[in-house]
């Protein structure tokens, strides 16, 4: 992937993360089960780490 494509994917994941975090906060405030959303956030964090590493490697 090119640097620009990697950055676009990072930006999209960040937007997804923010949206899901908001959903999680609302669900948690209402006493709902947040386990699946927490797992999704964890997966997104791992993807972001991987993409940032790819971006660093592409910059070198």
Protein backbone atom coordinates (compact mmCIF):
# COMPACT_ATOMS: atom_id res chain seq x y z
CA UNK A 1 0.00 0.00 0.00
CA UNK A 2 1.06 3.55 -0.62
CA UNK A 3 1.53 6.01 2.23
CA UNK A 4 -1.60 7.91 1.25
CA UNK A 5 -3.71 4.73 1.20
CA UNK A 6 -2.39 3.70 4.61
CA UNK A 7 -3.16 7.13 6.03
CA UNK A 8 -6.69 7.02 4.60
CA UNK A 9 -7.26 3.64 6.22
CA UNK A 10 -5.93 4.96 9.55
CA UNK A 11 -8.28 7.95 9.32
CA UNK A 12 -11.25 5.67 8.60
CA UNK A 13 -10.41 3.39 11.54
CA UNK A 14 -10.13 6.41 13.82
CA UNK A 15 -13.61 7.56 12.80
CA UNK A 16 -14.98 4.05 13.36
CA UNK A 17 -13.25 3.90 16.75
CA UNK A 18 -14.78 7.22 17.85
CA UNK A 19 -18.26 6.13 16.71
CA UNK A 20 -18.04 2.77 18.46
CA UNK A 21 -16.66 4.38 21.62
CA UNK A 22 -19.70 6.66 21.69
CA UNK A 23 -22.02 3.69 21.21
CA UNK A 24 -20.22 1.84 24.00
CA UNK A 25 -20.57 4.81 26.37
CA UNK A 26 -24.31 5.05 25.68
CA UNK A 27 -24.83 1.31 26.11
CA UNK A 28 -22.78 1.24 29.30
CA UNK A 29 -24.73 4.18 30.74
CA UNK A 30 -27.95 2.22 30.18
CA UNK A 31 -26.59 -0.94 31.76
CA UNK A 32 -26.18 -2.84 28.51
CA UNK A 33 -23.71 -5.56 27.65
CA UNK A 34 -20.61 -3.91 26.20
CA UNK A 35 -18.42 -6.99 25.71
CA UNK A 36 -18.75 -7.15 21.92
CA UNK A 37 -18.05 -3.44 21.50
CA UNK A 38 -15.00 -3.70 23.75
CA UNK A 39 -13.69 -6.55 21.59
CA UNK A 40 -14.31 -4.48 18.47
CA UNK A 41 -12.40 -1.54 19.94
CA UNK A 42 -9.53 -3.82 20.85
CA UNK A 43 -9.41 -5.18 17.30
CA UNK A 44 -9.43 -1.65 15.89
CA UNK A 45 -6.56 -0.69 18.19
CA UNK A 46 -4.51 -3.63 16.90
CA UNK A 47 -5.27 -2.68 13.30
CA UNK A 48 -4.22 0.91 13.97
CA UNK A 49 -0.93 -0.25 15.48
CA UNK A 50 -0.26 -2.40 12.44
CA UNK A 51 -1.11 0.39 9.99
CA UNK A 52 1.05 2.91 11.84
CA UNK A 53 3.96 0.49 11.60
CA UNK A 54 3.33 0.11 7.88
CA UNK A 55 3.21 3.90 7.53
CA UNK A 56 6.51 4.27 9.37
CA UNK A 57 8.11 1.62 7.16
CA UNK A 58 6.79 3.33 4.02
CA UNK A 59 8.26 6.65 5.19
CA UNK A 60 11.76 5.26 5.48
